[in-house]
Amino acid sequence: MKQAVKGFLPPVGKSFAFILICLAWVSVSKAQDGAKLFKQNCAVCHAAHTDQKLTGPGLKGIFDRAPKGDWLKRWIINNEKLIKSGDAYASKIYNENGKAAMTVFEGQLTDKDVDAILDYIKNPPVDNAVAAGSKTPLEVDPVITEDGIDPLYLILAIVIVLAILLVIFRSIRIALHNSAQLAEGKSPMPDMTLWQESKLWMQKNRRLVGVCCIVLGFMGMKSCWDACYNIGVYYDWKTQKGYKPEQPIKFSHKLHAGDHEIACQYCHSSVEKSKHAGIPSVNICMNCHKGIQKGPQYGETEIAKIYKAAGFDPKSGKYDTKLQKPLEWIKVHNLPDHVYFNHSQHVVVGKQECTSCHGNLKEMTVAEQKAPLTMKWCIECHRKTEVAMADNPYYDRLHKALKAKYAGQYDVKFTVDKIGGLECSKCHY
């Protein structure tokens, strides 16, 4: 007992405590893996912890309904094989759900993956916020209260102050000069306006005036070039904020892409195949929301707008094509009309992530333009980004030719600008 008091735990006790900690950590990590695997493979068709029917039945109480042993694991891995074997319960489930084919996960999920999913279904996560009776609203962007002083007004104020000082000092100079002239018995300066005096000075200093005009001309041309270089659509350089329109339905990227880990390509299905990423139709929304009728923040209000657009009656579960009306989503990321941009070229060949241009949408409640999307911004990206040649069939032959050409000479970083990324015709033809 003395040893236990001094060292808190005897050697055997320490080992036992260590084992308990390890088991607890393994169970937590297993639950996290199970949640992720369920979201990726099962959540589209099944509700994990309720009896609400989506495409497939809700899984609440599934362990009481299904046969014991490894039946559930066999069903998940290859339900078709189980049905063909003549299993009575498998046939019953198949017929009760309209003979809808379930995905065969053989080769995709391992036994450990299935065990993790089943463990997640058996042990629903505890939402501490909900348990405490508190609400956790989705993230809201801070409101900008101060934009600072507009540089244009600051420059205008400086010009006005300088003009006033110029008039004052000119009056003082003329008064002092006339006093000196009268003291010497000479006649004072003739009355002249500021403009007349300026013309006289310019006539006497023509070379200096010419040099100033040339310098000002070049500065003006440089300013015009910079202005064209920074032409963007709906981007505020003062606040570094882009376009953030209010959509017809309050859709949270943070909830869908972040919390539920829905891949961007699921909604923007043509991003890897077309110039355009594609705007999801209401049918895409209905794949999940046919069963999910209540959201975490807006309840049923926003999802009801989806049903209205789809002409769907959630009570009867039927569609009315006469009531269907497409959702008019508002495009957030806009380029000038004279600019060509191809999504598939950047995503597939260039291997760029969506975050490169759109920012981390997984953290945005409302989609917002984060990058200026100007010519300057694109050119700087082309100058810094290396061509993704490794394991890229499109550039495989080019990569081998370049390695052979420059072998032993010097280390070359092949950025996009070196393969024609700065040619005007690439984006403006």
Protein backbone atom coordinates (compact mmCIF):
# COMPACT_ATOMS: atom_id res chain seq x y z
CA MET A 1 0.00 0.00 0.00
CA LYS A 2 2.88 2.41 0.78
CA GLN A 3 4.26 1.89 -2.68
CA ALA A 4 0.88 2.56 -4.18
CA VAL A 5 0.52 5.80 -2.22
CA LYS A 6 4.00 7.11 -3.08
CA GLY A 7 3.95 6.30 -6.76
CA PHE A 8 0.19 6.69 -7.17
CA LEU A 9 0.02 3.25 -8.85
CA PRO A 10 2.07 0.07 -8.48
CA PRO A 11 3.80 -1.26 -11.64
CA VAL A 12 0.89 -3.56 -12.47
CA GLY A 13 -1.58 -0.72 -11.87
CA LYS A 14 0.38 1.56 -14.18
CA SER A 15 0.38 -1.05 -16.93
CA PHE A 16 -3.35 -1.62 -16.50
CA ALA A 17 -4.04 2.14 -16.65
CA PHE A 18 -1.90 2.47 -19.76
CA ILE A 19 -3.83 -0.35 -21.43
CA LEU A 20 -7.15 1.33 -20.55
CA ILE A 21 -5.95 4.63 -22.03
CA CYS A 22 -4.83 2.90 -25.22
CA LEU A 23 -8.15 1.08 -25.53
CA ALA A 24 -10.04 4.33 -25.00
CA TRP A 25 -7.94 6.08 -27.65
CA VAL A 26 -8.45 3.22 -30.10
CA SER A 27 -12.22 3.25 -29.51
CA VAL A 28 -12.39 7.03 -30.06
CA SER A 29 -10.30 6.91 -33.24
CA LYS A 30 -12.35 3.95 -34.45
CA ALA A 31 -15.57 5.91 -33.88
CA GLN A 32 -14.14 8.87 -35.79
CA ASP A 33 -13.12 6.61 -38.69
CA GLY A 34 -16.55 4.98 -38.67
CA ALA A 35 -18.30 8.35 -38.84
CA LYS A 36 -16.14 9.43 -41.77
CA LEU A 37 -16.63 6.13 -43.62
CA PHE A 38 -20.39 6.26 -43.04
CA LYS A 39 -20.60 9.80 -44.42
CA GLN A 40 -18.56 8.87 -47.48
CA ASN A 41 -20.31 5.60 -48.35
CA CYS A 42 -23.69 5.28 -46.62
CA ALA A 43 -25.13 8.68 -45.61
CA VAL A 44 -26.58 9.42 -49.06
CA CYS A 45 -29.04 6.51 -48.71
CA HIS A 46 -29.34 5.81 -44.97
CA ALA A 47 -29.94 7.75 -41.75
CA ALA A 48 -27.54 6.26 -39.18
CA HIS A 49 -29.35 6.87 -35.91
CA THR A 50 -33.02 7.42 -36.83
CA ASP A 51 -35.70 5.32 -38.50
CA GLN A 52 -36.25 8.00 -41.17
CA LYS A 53 -36.26 6.49 -44.64
CA LEU A 54 -34.10 8.11 -47.30
CA THR A 55 -33.34 6.11 -50.43
CA GLY A 56 -32.91 3.16 -48.08
CA PRO A 57 -34.37 2.44 -44.62
CA GLY A 58 -33.22 4.19 -41.45
CA LEU A 59 -30.73 2.16 -39.44
CA LYS A 60 -32.06 2.77 -35.93
CA GLY A 61 -32.62 -0.61 -34.28
CA ILE A 62 -30.95 -2.48 -37.16
CA PHE A 63 -29.02 -4.73 -34.74
CA ASP A 64 -32.31 -5.93 -33.22
CA ARG A 65 -33.93 -6.55 -36.60
CA ALA A 66 -31.11 -8.17 -38.56
CA PRO A 67 -29.94 -11.77 -38.02
CA LYS A 68 -27.13 -12.17 -35.51
CA GLY A 69 -23.52 -13.04 -36.24
CA ASP A 70 -21.76 -11.60 -39.29
CA TRP A 71 -24.93 -11.17 -41.37
CA LEU A 72 -24.74 -7.36 -41.45
CA LYS A 73 -21.09 -7.43 -42.49
CA ARG A 74 -21.85 -9.88 -45.31
CA TRP A 75 -24.80 -7.72 -46.41
CA ILE A 76 -22.70 -4.55 -46.58
CA ILE A 77 -19.79 -6.18 -48.39
CA ASN A 78 -21.88 -7.87 -51.10
CA ASN A 79 -25.66 -7.71 -50.74
CA GLU A 80 -26.21 -9.13 -54.24
CA LYS A 81 -24.33 -12.30 -53.36
CA LEU A 82 -26.34 -12.69 -50.15
CA ILE A 83 -29.66 -12.28 -52.01
CA LYS A 84 -28.67 -14.80 -54.69
CA SER A 85 -27.69 -17.30 -52.00
CA GLY A 86 -31.37 -17.50 -51.05
CA ASP A 87 -31.02 -15.86 -47.64
CA ALA A 88 -34.59 -15.28 -46.42
CA TYR A 89 -34.02 -12.00 -44.58
CA ALA A 90 -31.92 -10.58 -47.44
CA SER A 91 -34.73 -11.32 -49.90
CA LYS A 92 -37.28 -9.79 -47.50
CA ILE A 93 -35.30 -6.51 -47.20
CA TYR A 94 -34.75 -6.41 -50.97
CA ASN A 95 -38.46 -6.77 -51.73
CA GLU A 96 -39.61 -4.35 -49.01
CA ASN A 97 -37.48 -1.58 -50.52
CA GLY A 98 -38.79 -1.87 -54.04
CA LYS A 99 -35.93 -4.12 -55.18
CA ALA A 100 -33.64 -1.06 -55.23
CA ALA A 101 -30.04 -2.11 -55.83
CA MET A 102 -27.63 -1.31 -53.01
CA THR A 103 -23.98 -0.55 -53.75
CA VAL A 104 -21.63 -3.53 -53.57
CA PHE A 105 -18.66 -2.54 -51.42
CA GLU A 106 -16.56 -5.64 -51.99
CA GLY A 107 -13.06 -4.44 -52.85
CA GLN A 108 -13.81 -0.93 -51.57
CA LEU A 109 -14.30 -1.54 -47.85
CA THR A 110 -12.21 -3.88 -45.71
CA ASP A 111 -13.52 -5.89 -42.78
CA LYS A 112 -12.04 -3.27 -40.43
CA ASP A 113 -13.86 -0.51 -42.33
CA VAL A 114 -17.19 -2.33 -41.99
CA ASP A 115 -16.57 -2.96 -38.28
CA ALA A 116 -15.89 0.76 -37.80
CA ILE A 117 -19.12 1.68 -39.62
CA LEU A 118 -21.18 -0.77 -37.58
CA ASP A 119 -19.59 0.52 -34.39
CA TYR A 120 -20.55 4.09 -35.39
CA ILE A 121 -24.17 3.02 -36.05
CA LYS A 122 -24.30 1.15 -32.74
CA ASN A 123 -22.85 4.05 -30.72
CA PRO A 124 -24.27 7.40 -31.89
CA PRO A 125 -22.07 10.42 -31.08
CA VAL A 126 -23.20 12.69 -28.24
CA ASP A 127 -23.75 16.32 -29.26
CA ASN A 128 -22.71 18.24 -26.14
CA ALA A 129 -24.25 21.48 -27.38
CA VAL A 130 -27.61 19.86 -28.00
CA ALA A 131 -27.43 17.91 -24.76
CA ALA A 132 -26.89 21.13 -22.85
CA GLY A 133 -29.88 22.71 -24.57
CA SER A 134 -27.76 25.29 -26.38
CA LYS A 135 -27.70 26.12 -30.03
CA THR A 136 -24.53 26.40 -32.10
CA PRO A 137 -25.33 28.57 -35.11
CA LEU A 138 -23.29 28.32 -38.25
CA GLU A 139 -20.31 30.58 -38.59
CA VAL A 140 -21.17 34.16 -39.49
CA ASP A 141 -18.66 36.44 -41.12
CA PRO A 142 -17.83 39.55 -39.11
CA VAL A 143 -19.44 42.80 -40.22
CA ILE A 144 -17.06 45.45 -41.51
CA THR A 145 -17.77 48.64 -39.59
CA GLU A 146 -14.85 50.80 -40.69
CA ASP A 147 -13.49 51.00 -44.22
CA GLY A 148 -10.86 53.59 -43.34
CA ILE A 149 -10.19 56.81 -45.28
CA ASP A 150 -10.59 56.61 -49.03
CA PRO A 151 -7.15 57.40 -50.62
CA LEU A 152 -8.87 59.51 -53.30
CA TYR A 153 -10.35 61.85 -50.70
CA LEU A 154 -7.01 62.01 -48.90
CA ILE A 155 -5.21 63.04 -52.10
CA LEU A 156 -7.94 65.60 -52.86
CA ALA A 157 -7.57 67.10 -49.37
CA ILE A 158 -3.77 67.37 -49.78
CA VAL A 159 -4.20 69.09 -53.19
CA ILE A 160 -6.66 71.62 -51.71
CA VAL A 161 -4.33 72.39 -48.78
CA LEU A 162 -1.35 72.84 -51.14
CA ALA A 163 -3.42 75.14 -53.39
CA ILE A 164 -4.40 77.32 -50.42
CA LEU A 165 -0.76 77.49 -49.25
CA LEU A 166 0.34 78.39 -52.79
CA VAL A 167 -2.12 81.31 -52.92
CA ILE A 168 -1.07 82.54 -49.46
CA PHE A 169 2.68 82.35 -50.14
CA ARG A 170 2.21 84.00 -53.56
CA SER A 171 0.36 86.91 -51.94
CA ILE A 172 3.12 87.26 -49.32
CA ARG A 173 5.84 87.14 -52.00
CA ILE A 174 4.14 89.80 -54.14
CA ALA A 175 3.60 92.04 -51.09
CA LEU A 176 7.26 91.76 -50.01
CA HIS A 177 8.52 92.33 -53.55
CA ASN A 178 6.37 95.44 -54.02
CA SER A 179 7.48 96.82 -50.65
CA ALA A 180 11.13 96.40 -51.67
CA GLN A 181 10.44 98.05 -55.04
CA LEU A 182 8.75 101.05 -53.44
CA ALA A 183 11.57 101.42 -50.89
CA GLU A 184 14.04 101.70 -53.75
CA GLY A 185 11.82 104.15 -55.60
CA LYS A 186 10.85 101.70 -58.27
CA SER A 187 7.40 100.90 -59.60
CA PRO A 188 5.58 97.81 -58.13
CA MET A 189 4.86 94.62 -60.08
CA PRO A 190 1.98 94.83 -62.56
CA ASP A 191 -1.19 93.02 -61.51
CA MET A 192 -1.17 89.46 -62.91
CA THR A 193 -3.37 86.43 -62.33
CA LEU A 194 -1.85 83.17 -61.18
CA TRP A 195 -2.43 81.65 -64.61
CA GLN A 196 -0.70 84.56 -66.40
CA GLU A 197 2.24 84.30 -64.04
CA SER A 198 2.44 80.53 -64.58
CA LYS A 199 2.47 80.97 -68.40
CA LEU A 200 5.28 83.48 -68.12
CA TRP A 201 7.31 81.08 -65.94
CA MET A 202 6.75 78.19 -68.38
CA GLN A 203 7.93 80.31 -71.30
CA LYS A 204 11.17 81.06 -69.50
CA ASN A 205 11.71 77.37 -68.45
CA ARG A 206 10.62 75.43 -71.53
CA ARG A 207 13.16 72.58 -71.17
CA LEU A 208 12.19 71.87 -67.57
CA VAL A 209 8.50 71.98 -68.49
CA GLY A 210 9.12 69.57 -71.39
CA VAL A 211 10.93 67.07 -69.15
CA CYS A 212 8.10 67.26 -66.58
CA CYS A 213 5.48 66.65 -69.29
CA ILE A 214 7.35 63.55 -70.53
CA VAL A 215 7.67 62.17 -66.99
CA LEU A 216 3.99 62.84 -66.25
CA GLY A 217 3.03 61.22 -69.56
CA PHE A 218 4.90 58.01 -68.72
CA MET A 219 3.42 58.01 -65.22
CA GLY A 220 -0.05 58.34 -66.71
CA MET A 221 0.52 55.46 -69.12
CA LYS A 222 1.85 53.31 -66.27
CA SER A 223 -1.25 54.14 -64.22
CA CYS A 224 -3.49 53.15 -67.14
CA TRP A 225 -1.59 49.85 -67.51
CA ASP A 226 -1.92 49.11 -63.79
CA ALA A 227 -5.63 49.90 -63.95
CA CYS A 228 -6.12 47.45 -66.84
CA TYR A 229 -3.91 44.90 -65.04
CA ASN A 230 -6.21 45.02 -62.03
CA ILE A 231 -9.56 44.85 -63.80
CA GLY A 232 -11.74 42.38 -61.96
CA VAL A 233 -15.44 41.81 -61.49
CA TYR A 234 -17.12 42.58 -58.13
CA TYR A 235 -13.88 42.86 -56.12
CA ASP A 236 -13.29 45.70 -53.65
CA TRP A 237 -9.60 46.57 -53.34
CA LYS A 238 -10.22 48.79 -50.30
CA THR A 239 -11.59 46.01 -48.12
CA GLN A 240 -10.01 43.07 -49.99
CA LYS A 241 -13.49 41.59 -50.15
CA GLY A 242 -15.19 40.00 -53.12
CA TYR A 243 -18.71 39.32 -54.30
CA LYS A 244 -20.98 37.70 -51.70
CA PRO A 245 -24.55 37.66 -53.05
CA GLU A 246 -27.58 36.36 -51.20
CA GLN A 247 -28.69 33.11 -52.83
CA PRO A 248 -32.32 32.01 -53.37
CA ILE A 249 -31.72 29.33 -50.73
CA LYS A 250 -29.45 29.81 -47.72
CA PHE A 251 -26.89 27.14 -48.56
CA SER A 252 -23.89 26.55 -46.28
CA HIS A 253 -20.71 25.22 -47.89
CA LYS A 254 -19.30 24.83 -44.38
CA LEU A 255 -22.08 22.43 -43.43
CA HIS A 256 -22.10 20.39 -46.66
CA ALA A 257 -18.45 20.39 -47.85
CA GLY A 258 -16.87 20.91 -44.43
CA ASP A 259 -18.87 19.12 -41.74
CA HIS A 260 -20.39 16.41 -43.96
CA GLU A 261 -17.34 16.16 -46.29
CA ILE A 262 -19.36 16.07 -49.52
CA ALA A 263 -16.94 16.26 -52.45
CA CYS A 264 -17.09 19.38 -54.62
CA GLN A 265 -17.50 17.18 -57.72
CA TYR A 266 -20.76 15.74 -56.38
CA CYS A 267 -22.60 19.04 -56.92
CA HIS A 268 -20.29 20.59 -59.54
CA SER A 269 -20.19 17.46 -61.66
CA SER A 270 -18.67 18.92 -64.85
CA VAL A 271 -15.62 20.54 -63.21
CA GLU A 272 -13.32 17.76 -64.46
CA LYS A 273 -14.89 17.46 -67.92
CA SER A 274 -15.84 20.92 -69.09
CA LYS A 275 -14.89 24.58 -69.25
CA HIS A 276 -17.59 25.26 -66.65
CA ALA A 277 -17.78 23.72 -63.18
CA GLY A 278 -21.55 23.44 -63.51
CA ILE A 279 -24.34 24.63 -61.23
CA PRO A 280 -26.17 21.83 -59.41
CA SER A 281 -29.76 21.21 -60.43
CA VAL A 282 -32.51 20.70 -57.87
CA ASN A 283 -32.30 16.95 -58.57
CA ILE A 284 -28.84 16.90 -56.97
CA CYS A 285 -30.28 18.50 -53.84
CA MET A 286 -33.15 16.01 -53.77
CA ASN A 287 -30.77 13.04 -53.74
CA CYS A 288 -30.22 13.78 -50.05
CA HIS A 289 -33.07 16.07 -49.06
CA LYS A 290 -35.79 13.70 -50.14
CA GLY A 291 -35.22 12.25 -46.69
CA ILE A 292 -33.46 15.07 -44.82
CA GLN A 293 -36.32 17.49 -44.21
CA LYS A 294 -34.88 19.59 -41.38
CA GLY A 295 -31.60 21.51 -41.22
CA PRO A 296 -29.46 22.43 -38.18
CA GLN A 297 -29.95 26.20 -38.44
CA TYR A 298 -33.00 27.08 -40.54
CA GLY A 299 -35.08 24.02 -39.76
CA GLU A 300 -37.52 23.21 -42.55
CA THR A 301 -37.71 26.73 -44.04
CA GLU A 302 -34.89 26.55 -46.60
CA ILE A 303 -35.37 22.87 -47.45
CA ALA A 304 -39.03 23.64 -48.18
CA LYS A 305 -37.77 25.94 -50.98
CA ILE A 306 -35.99 22.94 -52.53
CA TYR A 307 -39.22 20.94 -52.42
CA LYS A 308 -41.10 23.81 -54.05
CA ALA A 309 -38.57 24.03 -56.87
CA ALA A 310 -38.70 20.26 -57.39
CA GLY A 311 -42.48 20.10 -57.17
CA PHE A 312 -42.11 17.55 -54.36
CA ASP A 313 -44.65 16.80 -51.65
CA PRO A 314 -42.75 15.48 -48.59
CA LYS A 315 -45.92 14.01 -47.06
CA SER A 316 -46.87 11.84 -50.02
CA GLY A 317 -43.32 11.47 -51.34
CA LYS A 318 -44.47 12.25 -54.89
CA TYR A 319 -43.48 14.83 -57.54
CA ASP A 320 -45.77 17.12 -59.52
CA THR A 321 -44.02 18.16 -62.75
CA LYS A 322 -46.46 21.04 -63.26
CA LEU A 323 -45.21 22.76 -60.11
CA GLN A 324 -41.49 22.38 -60.84
CA LYS A 325 -39.45 25.56 -61.15
CA PRO A 326 -35.63 25.67 -61.51
CA LEU A 327 -33.58 27.30 -58.78
CA GLU A 328 -31.97 30.53 -59.98
CA TRP A 329 -28.57 30.35 -58.26
CA ILE A 330 -26.44 33.52 -58.46
CA LYS A 331 -22.93 33.05 -59.86
CA VAL A 332 -20.30 34.23 -57.37
CA HIS A 333 -16.98 33.99 -59.24
CA ASN A 334 -17.18 36.08 -62.41
CA LEU A 335 -14.52 36.91 -65.02
CA PRO A 336 -14.67 39.71 -67.60
CA ASP A 337 -16.43 38.71 -70.82
CA HIS A 338 -13.18 38.84 -72.83
CA VAL A 339 -11.47 36.22 -70.64
CA TYR A 340 -11.40 32.49 -71.37
CA PHE A 341 -10.99 30.07 -68.47
CA ASN A 342 -11.24 26.28 -68.54
CA HIS A 343 -11.94 24.38 -65.30
CA SER A 344 -11.00 20.93 -66.61
CA GLN A 345 -7.66 22.23 -67.89
CA HIS A 346 -6.72 23.53 -64.45
CA VAL A 347 -8.24 20.72 -62.34
CA VAL A 348 -7.30 17.65 -64.42
CA VAL A 349 -4.16 18.65 -66.30
CA GLY A 350 -2.88 21.35 -63.94
CA LYS A 351 -3.93 19.32 -60.86
CA GLN A 352 -5.08 22.45 -59.03
CA GLU A 353 -7.28 22.24 -55.96
CA CYS A 354 -10.54 24.20 -55.79
CA THR A 355 -9.05 26.27 -52.95
CA SER A 356 -6.45 27.76 -55.31
CA CYS A 357 -9.03 30.11 -56.81
CA HIS A 358 -12.10 29.83 -54.59
CA GLY A 359 -10.53 29.87 -51.12
CA ASN A 360 -11.41 27.35 -48.42
CA LEU A 361 -15.13 26.92 -49.04
CA LYS A 362 -15.23 24.28 -46.30
CA GLU A 363 -15.03 27.15 -43.81
CA MET A 364 -17.49 29.49 -45.56
CA THR A 365 -21.13 29.66 -44.54
CA VAL A 366 -21.91 31.86 -47.56
CA ALA A 367 -19.80 31.45 -50.70
CA GLU A 368 -17.65 34.54 -51.26
CA GLN A 369 -15.06 35.60 -53.82
CA LYS A 370 -11.76 35.45 -51.93
CA ALA A 371 -9.27 36.00 -54.80
CA PRO A 372 -9.29 39.15 -56.99
CA LEU A 373 -9.31 37.04 -60.20
CA THR A 374 -7.54 39.84 -62.10
CA MET A 375 -5.02 39.45 -64.93
CA LYS A 376 -2.24 40.38 -62.50
CA TRP A 377 -3.34 37.69 -60.06
CA CYS A 378 -3.51 35.02 -62.79
CA ILE A 379 -0.12 35.96 -64.26
CA GLU A 380 1.55 35.86 -60.86
CA CYS A 381 0.05 32.41 -60.31
CA HIS A 382 1.38 31.20 -63.69
CA ARG A 383 4.84 32.53 -62.83
CA LYS A 384 4.95 30.75 -59.45
CA THR A 385 3.11 27.48 -60.12
CA GLU A 386 5.22 24.59 -61.37
CA VAL A 387 3.80 22.37 -64.09
CA ALA A 388 2.42 19.17 -62.56
CA MET A 389 4.42 16.77 -64.72
CA ALA A 390 4.80 13.84 -62.31
CA ASP A 391 2.33 11.02 -63.07
CA ASN A 392 0.57 13.27 -65.55
CA PRO A 393 0.04 11.43 -68.88
CA TYR A 394 -0.67 14.70 -70.66
CA TYR A 395 2.85 15.98 -69.99
CA ASP A 396 4.69 12.64 -69.82
CA ARG A 397 6.37 12.92 -73.24
CA LEU A 398 7.19 16.61 -72.72
CA HIS A 399 8.69 15.89 -69.30
CA LYS A 400 11.04 13.24 -70.70
CA ALA A 401 12.12 15.53 -73.56
CA LEU A 402 12.87 18.42 -71.21
CA LYS A 403 14.86 16.21 -68.81
CA ALA A 404 16.96 14.94 -71.71
CA LYS A 405 17.48 18.43 -73.16
CA TYR A 406 18.65 20.07 -69.93
CA ALA A 407 20.38 17.05 -68.37
CA GLY A 408 23.48 18.14 -66.43
CA GLN A 409 23.16 21.82 -67.35
CA TYR A 410 21.20 23.46 -64.55
CA ASP A 411 18.18 22.86 -62.40
CA VAL A 412 15.15 24.30 -64.16
CA LYS A 413 11.80 24.85 -62.50
CA PHE A 414 9.22 24.54 -65.23
CA THR A 415 6.53 26.97 -64.15
CA VAL A 416 3.40 27.51 -66.22
CA ASP A 417 4.78 30.68 -67.84
CA LYS A 418 7.58 28.63 -69.43
CA ILE A 419 5.10 26.54 -71.44
CA GLY A 420 3.12 29.46 -72.82
CA GLY A 421 1.24 30.48 -69.71
CA LEU A 422 1.78 34.18 -70.43
CA GLU A 423 0.71 34.16 -74.08
CA CYS A 424 -2.14 36.64 -74.63
CA SER A 425 -4.02 34.24 -76.92
CA LYS A 426 -4.30 31.64 -74.17
CA CYS A 427 -6.92 33.70 -72.38
CA HIS A 428 -7.92 36.37 -74.92
CA TYR A 429 -8.61 34.82 -78.31
